[in-house]
C-alpha atoms as a PDB file:
ATOM      1  CA  MET A   1      12.770   4.364  13.707  1.00  0.00           C
ATOM      2  CA  LYS A   2      10.402   4.718  10.773  1.00  0.00           C
ATOM      3  CA  SER A   3       9.105   8.217  10.066  1.00  0.00           C
ATOM      4  CA  LYS A   4       5.858   9.372   8.496  1.00  0.00           C
ATOM      5  CA  GLU A   5       5.600  10.326   4.852  1.00  0.00           C
ATOM      6  CA  LEU A   6       5.548  14.065   4.136  1.00  0.00           C
ATOM      7  CA  SER A   7       2.348  15.470   2.653  1.00  0.00           C
ATOM      8  CA  VAL A   8       2.267  16.193  -1.077  1.00  0.00           C
ATOM      9  CA  ASP A   9       1.610  19.856  -0.246  1.00  0.00           C
ATOM     10  CA  LEU A  10       4.816  20.116   1.811  1.00  0.00           C
ATOM     11  CA  ARG A  11       6.831  18.372  -0.915  1.00  0.00           C
ATOM     12  CA  ASP A  12       5.401  20.817  -3.477  1.00  0.00           C
ATOM     13  CA  ARG A  13       6.433  23.759  -1.272  1.00  0.00           C
ATOM     14  CA  ILE A  14       9.984  22.359  -1.020  1.00  0.00           C
ATOM     15  CA  VAL A  15      10.221  22.097  -4.819  1.00  0.00           C
ATOM     16  CA  LEU A  16       8.754  25.606  -5.276  1.00  0.00           C
ATOM     17  CA  ARG A  17      11.340  27.104  -2.942  1.00  0.00           C
ATOM     18  CA  HIS A  18      14.093  25.191  -4.762  1.00  0.00           C
ATOM     19  CA  LYS A  19      12.869  26.539  -8.113  1.00  0.00           C
ATOM     20  CA  SER A  20      12.938  30.093  -6.738  1.00  0.00           C
ATOM     21  CA  GLY A  21      16.638  29.633  -5.958  1.00  0.00           C
ATOM     22  CA  GLU A  22      16.630  28.939  -2.212  1.00  0.00           C
ATOM     23  CA  GLY A  23      19.322  26.628  -0.861  1.00  0.00           C
ATOM     24  CA  TYR A  24      18.765  23.327   0.938  1.00  0.00           C
ATOM     25  CA  LYS A  25      19.694  24.816   4.334  1.00  0.00           C
ATOM     26  CA  LYS A  26      17.227  27.700   4.037  1.00  0.00           C
ATOM     27  CA  ILE A  27      14.413  25.425   2.848  1.00  0.00           C
ATOM     28  CA  SER A  28      15.168  23.003   5.672  1.00  0.00           C
ATOM     29  CA  ALA A  29      15.120  25.733   8.323  1.00  0.00           C
ATOM     30  CA  ALA A  30      11.999  27.455   6.977  1.00  0.00           C
ATOM     31  CA  LEU A  31       9.877  24.308   6.709  1.00  0.00           C
ATOM     32  CA  LYS A  32      11.409  22.478   9.710  1.00  0.00           C
ATOM     33  CA  VAL A  33      12.321  19.422   7.628  1.00  0.00           C
ATOM     34  CA  PRO A  34      15.729  17.688   7.799  1.00  0.00           C
ATOM     35  CA  MET A  35      18.174  18.799   5.115  1.00  0.00           C
ATOM     36  CA  SER A  36      18.657  15.232   3.886  1.00  0.00           C
ATOM     37  CA  THR A  37      14.886  14.957   3.349  1.00  0.00           C
ATOM     38  CA  VAL A  38      14.862  18.199   1.367  1.00  0.00           C
ATOM     39  CA  ALA A  39      17.734  16.909  -0.765  1.00  0.00           C
ATOM     40  CA  PHE A  40      15.992  13.576  -1.353  1.00  0.00           C
ATOM     41  CA  ILE A  41      12.691  15.204  -2.357  1.00  0.00           C
ATOM     42  CA  ILE A  42      14.444  17.514  -4.825  1.00  0.00           C
ATOM     43  CA  ARG A  43      16.489  14.625  -6.242  1.00  0.00           C
ATOM     44  CA  LYS A  44      13.303  12.577  -6.697  1.00  0.00           C
ATOM     45  CA  TRP A  45      11.553  15.539  -8.314  1.00  0.00           C
ATOM     46  CA  LYS A  46      14.424  16.035 -10.779  1.00  0.00           C
ATOM     47  CA  LYS A  47      14.414  12.346 -11.720  1.00  0.00           C
ATOM     48  CA  PHE A  48      10.662  11.653 -11.976  1.00  0.00           C
ATOM     49  CA  GLU A  49       9.322  15.226 -12.370  1.00  0.00           C
ATOM     50  CA  THR A  50       6.704  14.618  -9.692  1.00  0.00           C
ATOM     51  CA  THR A  51       6.344  14.950  -5.936  1.00  0.00           C
ATOM     52  CA  ARG A  52       3.578  12.335  -5.733  1.00  0.00           C
ATOM     53  CA  THR A  53       4.199   9.047  -3.935  1.00  0.00           C
ATOM     54  CA  LEU A  54       5.339   6.501  -6.511  1.00  0.00           C
ATOM     55  CA  PRO A  55       4.166   2.873  -6.414  1.00  0.00           C
ATOM     56  CA  ARG A  56       6.461   0.652  -4.387  1.00  0.00           C
ATOM     57  CA  ALA A  57       7.954  -2.656  -5.413  1.00  0.00           C
ATOM     58  CA  GLY A  58       6.239  -5.933  -4.662  1.00  0.00           C
ATOM     59  CA  ARG A  59       3.944  -8.443  -6.243  1.00  0.00           C
ATOM     60  CA  LEU A  60       0.320  -7.401  -6.673  1.00  0.00           C
ATOM     61  CA  SER A  61      -2.330  -9.400  -4.840  1.00  0.00           C
ATOM     62  CA  LYS A  62      -4.161 -12.072  -6.839  1.00  0.00           C
ATOM     63  CA  LEU A  63      -7.315 -11.420  -4.820  1.00  0.00           C
ATOM     64  CA  SER A  64      -9.060  -8.070  -5.052  1.00  0.00           C
ATOM     65  CA  ASP A  65     -10.199  -6.316  -1.871  1.00  0.00           C
ATOM     66  CA  ARG A  66     -13.764  -7.088  -2.850  1.00  0.00           C
ATOM     67  CA  GLY A  67     -12.996 -10.815  -3.223  1.00  0.00           C
ATOM     68  CA  ARG A  68     -11.145 -10.859   0.095  1.00  0.00           C
ATOM     69  CA  ARG A  69     -14.115  -9.251   1.873  1.00  0.00           C
ATOM     70  CA  ALA A  70     -16.486 -11.781   0.293  1.00  0.00           C
ATOM     71  CA  LEU A  71     -14.311 -14.646   1.582  1.00  0.00           C
ATOM     72  CA  VAL A  72     -14.235 -13.178   5.085  1.00  0.00           C
ATOM     73  CA  ARG A  73     -18.028 -12.790   5.026  1.00  0.00           C
ATOM     74  CA  GLU A  74     -18.487 -16.433   4.012  1.00  0.00           C
ATOM     75  CA  VAL A  75     -16.072 -17.702   6.664  1.00  0.00           C
ATOM     76  CA  THR A  76     -17.604 -15.632   9.475  1.00  0.00           C
ATOM     77  CA  LYS A  77     -21.064 -16.826   8.440  1.00  0.00           C
ATOM     78  CA  ASN A  78     -19.967 -20.488   8.401  1.00  0.00           C
ATOM     79  CA  PRO A  79     -16.701 -21.110  10.319  1.00  0.00           C
ATOM     80  CA  MET A  80     -16.613 -24.813   9.338  1.00  0.00           C
ATOM     81  CA  ILE A  81     -16.622 -24.132   5.571  1.00  0.00           C
ATOM     82  CA  THR A  82     -13.860 -25.912   3.627  1.00  0.00           C
ATOM     83  CA  LEU A  83     -11.295 -24.299   1.359  1.00  0.00           C
ATOM     84  CA  SER A  84     -12.630 -26.315  -1.594  1.00  0.00           C
ATOM     85  CA  VAL A  85     -16.092 -24.796  -1.143  1.00  0.00           C
ATOM     86  CA  LEU A  86     -14.563 -21.327  -0.822  1.00  0.00           C
ATOM     87  CA  GLN A  87     -12.547 -21.962  -3.981  1.00  0.00           C
ATOM     88  CA  ARG A  88     -15.696 -22.933  -5.899  1.00  0.00           C
ATOM     89  CA  SER A  89     -17.524 -19.829  -4.673  1.00  0.00           C
ATOM     90  CA  SER A  90     -14.607 -17.609  -5.749  1.00  0.00           C
ATOM     91  CA  VAL A  91     -14.746 -19.185  -9.237  1.00  0.00           C
ATOM     92  CA  GLU A  92     -18.492 -18.430  -9.350  1.00  0.00           C
ATOM     93  CA  ARG A  93     -17.717 -14.801  -8.482  1.00  0.00           C
ATOM     94  CA  GLY A  94     -15.360 -14.729 -11.461  1.00  0.00           C
ATOM     95  CA  GLU A  95     -12.197 -14.574  -9.375  1.00  0.00           C
ATOM     96  CA  PRO A  96     -10.554 -18.014  -9.574  1.00  0.00           C
ATOM     97  CA  SER A  97      -7.873 -18.586  -6.911  1.00  0.00           C
ATOM     98  CA  ARG A  98      -5.845 -21.418  -5.468  1.00  0.00           C
ATOM     99  CA  ARG A  99      -6.656 -22.916  -2.102  1.00  0.00           C
ATOM    100  CA  THR A 100      -3.360 -21.623  -0.705  1.00  0.00           C
ATOM    101  CA  THR A 101      -4.222 -18.072  -1.839  1.00  0.00           C
ATOM    102  CA  ILE A 102      -7.620 -18.301  -0.153  1.00  0.00           C
ATOM    103  CA  SER A 103      -6.072 -19.769   2.991  1.00  0.00           C
ATOM    104  CA  ALA A 104      -3.490 -16.953   3.138  1.00  0.00           C
ATOM    105  CA  ALA A 105      -6.180 -14.286   2.626  1.00  0.00           C
ATOM    106  CA  ILE A 106      -8.301 -15.696   5.455  1.00  0.00           C
ATOM    107  CA  TYR A 107      -5.249 -15.927   7.713  1.00  0.00           C
ATOM    108  CA  GLN A 108      -4.266 -12.298   6.971  1.00  0.00           C
ATOM    109  CA  SER A 109      -7.790 -11.220   7.866  1.00  0.00           C
ATOM    110  CA  GLY A 110      -7.308 -12.657  11.359  1.00  0.00           C
ATOM    111  CA  LEU A 111      -9.417 -15.806  10.974  1.00  0.00           C
ATOM    112  CA  TYR A 112      -7.583 -18.992  11.928  1.00  0.00           C
ATOM    113  CA  GLY A 113      -8.174 -22.712  12.384  1.00  0.00           C
ATOM    114  CA  ARG A 114      -9.587 -23.654   8.999  1.00  0.00           C
ATOM    115  CA  VAL A 115      -8.557 -27.037   7.599  1.00  0.00           C
ATOM    116  CA  ALA A 116      -9.651 -28.668   4.345  1.00  0.00           C
END
């Protein structure tokens, strides 16, 4: 089961208590956080010197959120629009993309059934 991320404030409190000399068990009991989580947060803090959420791995999207919204607007306005026309409009916006990229973006937005 996946758990929620701890707030930055709580992670900062864990690190503060660790700096003041408290042990993992005491920190865990006081803040009602599992001991393994306390240990992981402190280990991460020692390695990266931050308690902020670090960027995760994975390829960045070719389309910006703004470009994706513009595509969705165009498709909802005209459901029979072709991918070639959408590609030309994205080039005009200054965000050139492949037809497959546009198709995937539309599909991820919950709009299906476009062929071109």
